[in-house]
Amino acid sequence: MENQDLLKYALEHGMIDMSYVQEHVEMNKRKELLDKHPYAIWEGKDGKWRTYLIDNDGKRILKKRSSQKGIEDIVVEYYKSIEEERKKDYRFSALWESWKKNQVSYGVSNNTLAKYASDYERFFSNTDFACKDIRAINEEDITAFMIQSIKRLKLQERAGKALMSYIGGVFKHARIMRVINENPCDYVETRRFSKFYNRPVRDEEKRTVCQEDMQLLLTQLRISQEKKPEYIPSYAVELAIYTGMRIGEIVALKWDDVRENQGVIIICRSEKHDRITGEYVIEATKTGKQRQFPISEKISELLHKIKKVEMQYGFIGDFVFQNENGKLHTASVAHCIRYKCIQAGIPEKSIHALRRTLNSKLRCAGVSSVVASSLLGHTEEVNVNNYTYDISGMDYKKELIEKII
């Protein structure tokens, strides 16, 4: 019989007293720790027992107790704490995992957790920085890592800020957990690496839809609505053109949100696709805020057309956009706009391109960033930096110049 089998048999039949074994293991461990103590343990003339230990600054300090066992207990606990400390993982990667678990306790969504995972792979995976002891990382190390990452990944400013935010979050967590005494991120000067950001020239043509292409897309949508009126995604794309709503907000829109008597649409929810479970869920809008959008004549006509079609085909329910299978999901609307662009013979665009286009039209028409951002549901800064493009034609610019000169 093998040794493991013998031990298992002896334990199962009560032939070994585990408390006795445990006691002797602890006694041997205690003797082992005391034997490696380099300083003498002695009894003084006053009857007190003494020895030396090393503090956190590497200095020798005198300890004393009233009994030999008492002073030996101090020595044993001292070396046990050192062994426990050595077992702890203080690498940045380990503190990242601890920080991430903390975020879970705060109730972040599965999509956010999935983004954390993909961003870790993008920014930190297989880097020396992730393997460093976080206690040894200073502001110079962080600055050097930021510069290396920006150059290696050709990061634009938005991605660079996200990276720095992750680093700051992990170090703040380490500070709260008393792993570090101060946060080196507080001393990082962003100007030292911000100059290395990749700053591509913004291309209005790629990120918006020009007037000619918009007319071709609208024509194609209406052809689709005439030939196949029950294909509901085409109506959703048309509403996106008129309102600039996010794709999740469009498919989450309910008939109760359409307040024709008040002349507004209430935009208060959004559909999100859980990348971990694969499920679609209805939550608050991206900003968590409700907003209103005025119902224009075109929007009113479109909504009445949708209601008539859905009544005709029996697509009855709470949501504005639904078919025989129930509520539409974002994927079907995203596929629709790409396919309709191909049919119209124009470059493929997204619902977000329609959103940028509407905002740019508003801004070019003289609407302030305050009003435009209120209608689109984001901040003024985001509106100016990410959604405003010059989409005016050269004829319009020529007309302006001629008026001025």
Protein backbone atom coordinates (compact mmCIF):
# COMPACT_ATOMS: atom_id res chain seq x y z
CA MET A 1 0.00 0.00 0.00
CA GLU A 2 1.32 3.45 -0.93
CA ASN A 3 2.15 6.01 1.76
CA GLN A 4 -0.79 8.24 0.77
CA ASP A 5 -3.18 5.30 0.96
CA LEU A 6 -1.79 4.34 4.38
CA LEU A 7 -2.26 7.90 5.64
CA LYS A 8 -5.80 8.07 4.28
CA TYR A 9 -6.65 4.71 5.89
CA ALA A 10 -5.18 5.76 9.22
CA LEU A 11 -7.13 9.04 9.22
CA GLU A 12 -10.41 7.41 8.24
CA HIS A 13 -10.09 4.81 11.03
CA GLY A 14 -9.01 7.22 13.76
CA MET A 15 -5.55 5.75 14.07
CA ILE A 16 -3.94 9.22 13.99
CA ASP A 17 -4.75 12.01 16.45
CA MET A 18 -4.81 15.11 14.22
CA SER A 19 -4.75 17.51 17.17
CA TYR A 20 -1.55 15.82 18.37
CA VAL A 21 -0.05 16.10 14.88
CA GLN A 22 -1.05 19.76 14.63
CA GLU A 23 0.47 20.52 18.02
CA HIS A 24 3.81 18.97 17.07
CA VAL A 25 3.83 20.75 13.69
CA GLU A 26 3.36 24.08 15.46
CA MET A 27 6.06 23.24 18.01
CA ASN A 28 8.53 22.38 15.24
CA LYS A 29 7.65 25.55 13.35
CA ARG A 30 8.16 27.62 16.49
CA LYS A 31 11.58 26.02 17.10
CA GLU A 32 12.53 26.64 13.46
CA LEU A 33 11.69 30.34 13.72
CA LEU A 34 13.50 30.76 17.05
CA ASP A 35 16.59 28.97 15.74
CA LYS A 36 16.97 31.42 12.85
CA HIS A 37 16.73 34.46 15.16
CA PRO A 38 20.23 36.01 15.01
CA TYR A 39 20.10 37.83 18.34
CA ALA A 40 20.42 36.43 21.83
CA ILE A 41 17.41 36.08 24.10
CA TRP A 42 18.47 36.77 27.67
CA GLU A 43 17.13 37.47 31.12
CA GLY A 44 18.25 40.71 32.71
CA LYS A 45 19.04 41.43 36.37
CA ASP A 46 15.55 42.90 36.69
CA GLY A 47 13.97 39.55 35.75
CA LYS A 48 12.82 40.83 32.35
CA TRP A 49 13.57 38.88 29.17
CA ARG A 50 15.06 40.78 26.24
CA THR A 51 16.07 40.48 22.58
CA TYR A 52 16.55 42.64 19.49
CA LEU A 53 14.34 42.88 16.38
CA ILE A 54 14.72 44.92 13.18
CA ASP A 55 12.13 47.64 12.49
CA ASN A 56 10.85 48.86 9.09
CA ASP A 57 13.74 51.32 8.79
CA GLY A 58 16.33 48.57 9.28
CA LYS A 59 17.22 49.71 12.77
CA ARG A 60 17.76 47.34 15.69
CA ILE A 61 15.26 47.86 18.50
CA LEU A 62 15.19 46.30 21.97
CA LYS A 63 12.14 44.28 23.01
CA LYS A 64 11.43 43.01 26.52
CA ARG A 65 8.83 40.88 28.26
CA SER A 66 8.29 39.55 31.73
CA SER A 67 8.78 35.88 30.74
CA GLN A 68 10.88 33.81 28.37
CA LYS A 69 7.75 32.54 26.63
CA GLY A 70 6.51 36.10 26.22
CA ILE A 71 9.69 37.27 24.48
CA GLU A 72 9.80 34.12 22.33
CA ASP A 73 6.17 34.74 21.30
CA ILE A 74 7.20 38.19 20.03
CA VAL A 75 10.06 36.70 18.01
CA VAL A 76 7.86 33.97 16.52
CA GLU A 77 5.11 36.45 15.53
CA TYR A 78 7.76 38.76 14.06
CA TYR A 79 9.08 36.08 11.67
CA LYS A 80 5.58 34.79 10.87
CA SER A 81 4.56 38.30 9.80
CA ILE A 82 7.64 38.51 7.55
CA GLU A 83 6.76 35.18 5.93
CA GLU A 84 3.16 36.29 5.40
CA GLU A 85 4.35 39.55 3.88
CA ARG A 86 6.58 37.69 1.43
CA LYS A 87 3.59 35.63 0.29
CA LYS A 88 1.63 38.75 -0.69
CA ASP A 89 1.65 39.82 -4.32
CA TYR A 90 2.32 43.52 -4.73
CA ARG A 91 2.77 43.55 -8.49
CA PHE A 92 0.73 46.15 -10.37
CA SER A 93 -1.14 43.30 -12.08
CA ALA A 94 -2.22 41.89 -8.69
CA LEU A 95 -3.40 45.28 -7.45
CA TRP A 96 -5.29 45.71 -10.75
CA GLU A 97 -7.23 42.52 -9.96
CA SER A 98 -7.90 43.76 -6.43
CA TRP A 99 -9.08 47.12 -7.80
CA LYS A 100 -11.31 45.36 -10.33
CA LYS A 101 -12.93 43.24 -7.60
CA ASN A 102 -13.59 46.46 -5.75
CA GLN A 103 -15.34 47.88 -8.80
CA VAL A 104 -17.57 44.79 -8.87
CA SER A 105 -18.64 45.53 -5.30
CA TYR A 106 -19.59 49.03 -6.48
CA GLY A 107 -22.00 47.45 -8.97
CA VAL A 108 -20.32 48.20 -12.32
CA SER A 109 -22.00 46.55 -15.31
CA ASN A 110 -20.81 43.43 -17.11
CA ASN A 111 -20.00 45.57 -20.14
CA THR A 112 -17.72 47.74 -18.01
CA LEU A 113 -15.99 44.63 -16.65
CA ALA A 114 -15.55 43.33 -20.19
CA LYS A 115 -14.00 46.67 -21.16
CA TYR A 116 -11.64 46.47 -18.19
CA ALA A 117 -10.50 43.06 -19.44
CA SER A 118 -9.96 44.18 -23.03
CA ASP A 119 -8.23 47.40 -21.95
CA TYR A 120 -5.89 45.49 -19.64
CA GLU A 121 -4.87 43.30 -22.58
CA ARG A 122 -4.37 46.38 -24.70
CA PHE A 123 -2.45 48.53 -22.24
CA PHE A 124 -0.76 46.32 -19.65
CA SER A 125 -0.52 42.70 -20.80
CA ASN A 126 3.07 41.45 -21.26
CA THR A 127 4.59 44.73 -20.05
CA ASP A 128 7.33 45.17 -17.46
CA PHE A 129 5.17 47.79 -15.77
CA ALA A 130 2.47 45.23 -14.90
CA CYS A 131 5.09 42.99 -13.27
CA LYS A 132 6.64 45.71 -11.11
CA ASP A 133 6.13 45.90 -7.36
CA ILE A 134 3.67 48.75 -7.02
CA ARG A 135 5.49 49.94 -3.89
CA ALA A 136 8.59 50.59 -5.99
CA ILE A 137 6.87 52.48 -8.83
CA ASN A 138 7.33 56.26 -8.76
CA GLU A 139 6.11 59.15 -10.90
CA GLU A 140 9.08 58.84 -13.25
CA ASP A 141 8.22 55.17 -13.93
CA ILE A 142 4.60 56.12 -14.67
CA THR A 143 5.65 58.94 -17.01
CA ALA A 144 8.06 56.64 -18.86
CA PHE A 145 5.37 53.96 -19.21
CA MET A 146 2.87 56.51 -20.54
CA ILE A 147 5.33 57.73 -23.18
CA GLN A 148 6.22 54.17 -24.20
CA SER A 149 2.55 53.16 -24.42
CA ILE A 150 1.53 56.24 -26.41
CA LYS A 151 4.29 55.58 -28.93
CA ARG A 152 3.85 51.79 -29.02
CA LEU A 153 0.07 51.85 -29.42
CA LYS A 154 -0.14 55.19 -31.26
CA LEU A 155 -2.65 56.38 -28.67
CA GLN A 156 -4.84 59.37 -29.23
CA GLU A 157 -5.57 61.72 -26.35
CA ARG A 158 -8.83 60.06 -25.34
CA ALA A 159 -7.20 56.62 -25.04
CA GLY A 160 -4.20 58.11 -23.24
CA LYS A 161 -6.47 59.74 -20.66
CA ALA A 162 -8.23 56.40 -20.17
CA LEU A 163 -4.88 54.68 -19.58
CA MET A 164 -3.79 57.30 -17.06
CA SER A 165 -7.17 57.01 -15.35
CA TYR A 166 -6.69 53.26 -14.92
CA ILE A 167 -3.22 53.74 -13.44
CA GLY A 168 -4.52 56.44 -11.11
CA GLY A 169 -7.41 54.22 -10.01
CA VAL A 170 -5.15 51.28 -9.16
CA PHE A 171 -2.69 53.45 -7.22
CA LYS A 172 -5.52 55.14 -5.34
CA HIS A 173 -6.84 51.68 -4.42
CA ALA A 174 -3.34 50.67 -3.26
CA ARG A 175 -3.19 53.79 -1.10
CA ILE A 176 -6.58 53.06 0.47
CA MET A 177 -5.46 49.47 1.15
CA ARG A 178 -2.34 50.86 2.91
CA VAL A 179 -0.05 49.14 0.40
CA ILE A 180 1.63 52.47 -0.40
CA ASN A 181 1.99 55.57 1.73
CA GLU A 182 1.34 58.09 -1.05
CA ASN A 183 0.07 58.08 -4.61
CA PRO A 184 2.85 58.87 -7.15
CA CYS A 185 0.17 59.79 -9.71
CA ASP A 186 -0.30 63.01 -7.74
CA TYR A 187 3.15 64.08 -8.93
CA VAL A 188 2.85 63.05 -12.59
CA GLU A 189 2.99 66.00 -15.01
CA THR A 190 0.73 65.12 -17.94
CA ARG A 191 2.39 67.70 -20.20
CA ARG A 192 5.49 65.50 -20.28
CA PHE A 193 3.69 62.80 -22.26
CA SER A 194 0.66 64.60 -23.76
CA LYS A 195 2.83 66.01 -26.55
CA PHE A 196 3.35 62.46 -27.87
CA TYR A 197 -0.35 61.76 -28.50
CA ASN A 198 -1.33 60.73 -32.00
CA ARG A 199 -3.42 63.61 -33.31
CA PRO A 200 -4.89 62.65 -36.68
CA VAL A 201 -6.61 65.26 -38.78
CA ARG A 202 -10.35 64.98 -38.26
CA ASP A 203 -12.03 63.80 -41.45
CA GLU A 204 -15.54 65.22 -41.73
CA GLU A 205 -16.36 63.01 -44.70
CA LYS A 206 -15.71 59.79 -42.79
CA ARG A 207 -17.41 60.79 -39.54
CA THR A 208 -20.47 62.57 -40.93
CA VAL A 209 -22.85 62.21 -43.87
CA CYS A 210 -22.74 64.92 -46.54
CA GLN A 211 -25.96 66.46 -47.82
CA GLU A 212 -25.89 64.60 -51.15
CA ASP A 213 -25.33 61.21 -49.49
CA MET A 214 -28.01 61.97 -46.90
CA GLN A 215 -30.56 62.54 -49.66
CA LEU A 216 -29.55 59.29 -51.35
CA LEU A 217 -29.87 57.42 -48.02
CA LEU A 218 -33.31 58.92 -47.33
CA THR A 219 -34.44 58.01 -50.83
CA GLN A 220 -33.26 54.43 -50.33
CA LEU A 221 -35.04 54.19 -46.97
CA ARG A 222 -38.32 55.35 -48.48
CA ILE A 223 -37.97 52.90 -51.38
CA SER A 224 -37.52 50.15 -48.79
CA GLN A 225 -40.54 51.35 -46.82
CA GLU A 226 -42.70 51.27 -49.95
CA LYS A 227 -41.52 47.87 -51.19
CA LYS A 228 -41.33 46.20 -47.78
CA PRO A 229 -43.28 48.32 -45.29
CA GLU A 230 -43.05 45.63 -42.57
CA TYR A 231 -39.22 46.04 -42.43
CA ILE A 232 -39.23 48.20 -39.30
CA PRO A 233 -35.46 48.92 -38.99
CA SER A 234 -35.66 51.31 -41.97
CA TYR A 235 -38.01 53.57 -39.98
CA ALA A 236 -35.62 53.46 -37.00
CA VAL A 237 -32.75 54.70 -39.19
CA GLU A 238 -34.92 57.54 -40.50
CA LEU A 239 -35.79 58.63 -36.95
CA ALA A 240 -32.06 58.63 -36.15
CA ILE A 241 -31.50 61.05 -39.04
CA TYR A 242 -34.09 63.48 -37.63
CA THR A 243 -33.23 63.21 -33.91
CA GLY A 244 -29.57 62.16 -33.59
CA MET A 245 -30.61 59.66 -30.91
CA ARG A 246 -28.15 56.95 -29.89
CA ILE A 247 -28.91 53.55 -31.36
CA GLY A 248 -29.73 52.11 -27.92
CA GLU A 249 -32.11 55.00 -27.22
CA ILE A 250 -33.94 54.44 -30.50
CA VAL A 251 -34.75 50.76 -29.92
CA ALA A 252 -35.69 51.45 -26.27
CA LEU A 253 -38.17 54.21 -27.22
CA LYS A 254 -41.75 53.51 -26.10
CA TRP A 255 -45.00 54.95 -27.41
CA ASP A 256 -45.59 56.42 -23.95
CA ASP A 257 -42.44 58.50 -24.49
CA VAL A 258 -44.01 60.18 -27.54
CA ARG A 259 -45.93 63.16 -26.10
CA GLU A 260 -47.55 64.64 -29.19
CA ASN A 261 -49.82 66.83 -27.08
CA GLN A 262 -46.68 68.43 -25.64
CA GLY A 263 -44.77 68.28 -28.93
CA VAL A 264 -41.81 66.34 -27.48
CA ILE A 265 -40.21 62.90 -27.31
CA ILE A 266 -38.99 61.88 -23.84
CA ILE A 267 -35.63 60.12 -24.14
CA CYS A 268 -35.09 58.34 -20.84
CA ARG A 269 -33.78 54.80 -21.48
CA SER A 270 -31.39 52.85 -23.66
CA GLU A 271 -30.81 49.24 -24.68
CA LYS A 272 -27.39 47.76 -23.96
CA HIS A 273 -25.93 44.45 -25.05
CA ASP A 274 -24.27 42.58 -22.18
CA ARG A 275 -21.02 41.33 -23.70
CA ILE A 276 -20.59 38.70 -20.98
CA THR A 277 -24.08 37.13 -20.85
CA GLY A 278 -25.05 38.01 -24.44
CA GLU A 279 -28.36 39.42 -23.19
CA TYR A 280 -30.01 42.72 -24.12
CA VAL A 281 -31.02 44.91 -21.17
CA ILE A 282 -32.91 48.20 -20.88
CA GLU A 283 -31.21 50.75 -18.64
CA ALA A 284 -31.00 54.51 -18.24
CA THR A 285 -29.45 56.61 -20.99
CA LYS A 286 -25.66 56.80 -21.27
CA THR A 287 -25.53 59.91 -19.08
CA GLY A 288 -28.22 58.60 -16.73
CA LYS A 289 -30.31 61.68 -17.49
CA GLN A 290 -33.66 62.22 -19.20
CA ARG A 291 -33.97 64.73 -22.02
CA GLN A 292 -36.59 65.98 -24.44
CA PHE A 293 -36.50 66.34 -28.19
CA PRO A 294 -39.04 68.44 -30.11
CA ILE A 295 -41.37 66.63 -32.51
CA SER A 296 -40.98 68.30 -35.92
CA GLU A 297 -43.43 67.86 -38.78
CA LYS A 298 -41.19 65.20 -40.37
CA ILE A 299 -40.86 63.31 -37.09
CA SER A 300 -44.64 63.43 -36.55
CA GLU A 301 -45.32 62.08 -40.05
CA LEU A 302 -42.79 59.28 -39.55
CA LEU A 303 -44.25 58.24 -36.19
CA HIS A 304 -47.77 58.11 -37.64
CA LYS A 305 -46.49 56.01 -40.55
CA ILE A 306 -44.82 53.58 -38.11
CA LYS A 307 -47.98 53.27 -36.03
CA LYS A 308 -50.08 52.61 -39.13
CA VAL A 309 -47.70 49.92 -40.44
CA GLU A 310 -47.44 48.17 -37.08
CA MET A 311 -51.22 48.15 -36.65
CA GLN A 312 -51.58 46.76 -40.19
CA TYR A 313 -49.13 43.91 -39.58
CA GLY A 314 -50.11 43.24 -35.98
CA PHE A 315 -46.88 44.43 -34.41
CA ILE A 316 -48.60 45.56 -31.21
CA GLY A 317 -46.59 46.43 -28.10
CA ASP A 318 -45.12 49.12 -25.88
CA PHE A 319 -42.07 49.88 -28.01
CA VAL A 320 -42.08 52.14 -31.06
CA PHE A 321 -39.88 49.78 -33.08
CA GLN A 322 -41.10 46.19 -33.05
CA ASN A 323 -41.88 43.47 -35.53
CA GLU A 324 -43.28 39.94 -35.51
CA ASN A 325 -40.48 38.88 -33.14
CA GLY A 326 -41.05 41.69 -30.66
CA LYS A 327 -38.88 44.71 -29.90
CA LEU A 328 -36.01 45.47 -32.28
CA HIS A 329 -32.47 45.23 -30.97
CA THR A 330 -29.54 47.51 -31.76
CA ALA A 331 -27.88 44.93 -34.02
CA SER A 332 -30.78 44.93 -36.51
CA VAL A 333 -30.74 48.74 -36.80
CA ALA A 334 -26.94 48.83 -37.15
CA HIS A 335 -27.14 46.23 -39.94
CA CYS A 336 -29.95 48.16 -41.65
CA ILE A 337 -28.05 51.45 -42.00
CA ARG A 338 -24.95 49.70 -43.36
CA TYR A 339 -27.00 47.75 -45.90
CA LYS A 340 -29.04 50.79 -46.98
CA CYS A 341 -25.83 52.77 -47.51
CA ILE A 342 -24.56 50.00 -49.80
CA GLN A 343 -27.86 49.97 -51.69
CA ALA A 344 -27.73 53.76 -52.03
CA GLY A 345 -24.19 53.57 -53.39
CA ILE A 346 -22.66 55.69 -50.65
CA PRO A 347 -19.90 54.93 -48.09
CA GLU A 348 -21.09 52.81 -45.16
CA LYS A 349 -22.08 54.89 -42.15
CA SER A 350 -23.19 54.22 -38.59
CA ILE A 351 -26.05 55.59 -36.52
CA HIS A 352 -23.41 57.61 -34.67
CA ALA A 353 -22.42 59.28 -37.94
CA LEU A 354 -26.04 60.47 -38.24
CA ARG A 355 -25.76 61.79 -34.68
CA ARG A 356 -22.61 63.77 -35.51
CA THR A 357 -24.21 65.05 -38.71
CA LEU A 358 -27.31 66.41 -36.98
CA ASN A 359 -25.21 68.12 -34.33
CA SER A 360 -22.93 69.65 -36.97
CA LYS A 361 -25.95 70.94 -38.89
CA LEU A 362 -27.26 72.56 -35.72
CA ARG A 363 -23.91 74.19 -34.95
CA CYS A 364 -23.40 75.40 -38.54
CA ALA A 365 -26.88 76.92 -38.38
CA GLY A 366 -25.79 79.00 -35.41
CA VAL A 367 -27.23 76.88 -32.59
CA SER A 368 -25.14 77.21 -29.43
CA SER A 369 -23.24 74.27 -27.95
CA VAL A 370 -25.48 74.56 -24.85
CA VAL A 371 -28.66 73.91 -26.84
CA ALA A 372 -27.09 71.32 -29.15
CA SER A 373 -25.62 69.31 -26.26
CA SER A 374 -28.97 69.46 -24.47
CA LEU A 375 -30.77 67.98 -27.51
CA LEU A 376 -28.13 65.30 -28.12
CA GLY A 377 -27.64 64.37 -24.48
CA HIS A 378 -23.97 65.02 -23.73
CA THR A 379 -21.76 67.75 -22.26
CA GLU A 380 -20.71 70.93 -24.04
CA GLU A 381 -17.08 69.76 -24.03
CA VAL A 382 -18.00 66.48 -25.71
CA ASN A 383 -20.19 68.36 -28.16
CA VAL A 384 -17.40 70.70 -29.23
CA ASN A 385 -14.57 68.15 -29.26
CA ASN A 386 -16.29 65.07 -30.70
CA TYR A 387 -19.49 66.01 -32.49
CA THR A 388 -18.98 69.35 -34.19
CA TYR A 389 -17.74 69.37 -37.79
CA ASP A 390 -17.84 71.90 -40.60
CA ILE A 391 -20.25 70.28 -43.03
CA SER A 392 -21.21 73.44 -44.89
CA GLY A 393 -20.73 73.31 -48.66
CA MET A 394 -18.28 75.44 -50.61
CA ASP A 395 -21.15 77.37 -52.25
CA TYR A 396 -22.34 78.44 -48.80
CA LYS A 397 -18.81 79.50 -47.80
CA LYS A 398 -18.43 81.43 -51.07
CA GLU A 399 -21.72 83.22 -50.40
CA LEU A 400 -20.53 84.22 -46.92
CA ILE A 401 -17.23 85.53 -48.26
CA GLU A 402 -18.96 87.56 -50.95
CA LYS A 403 -21.21 89.15 -48.33
CA ILE A 404 -18.24 90.13 -46.20
CA ILE A 405 -15.90 91.41 -48.92
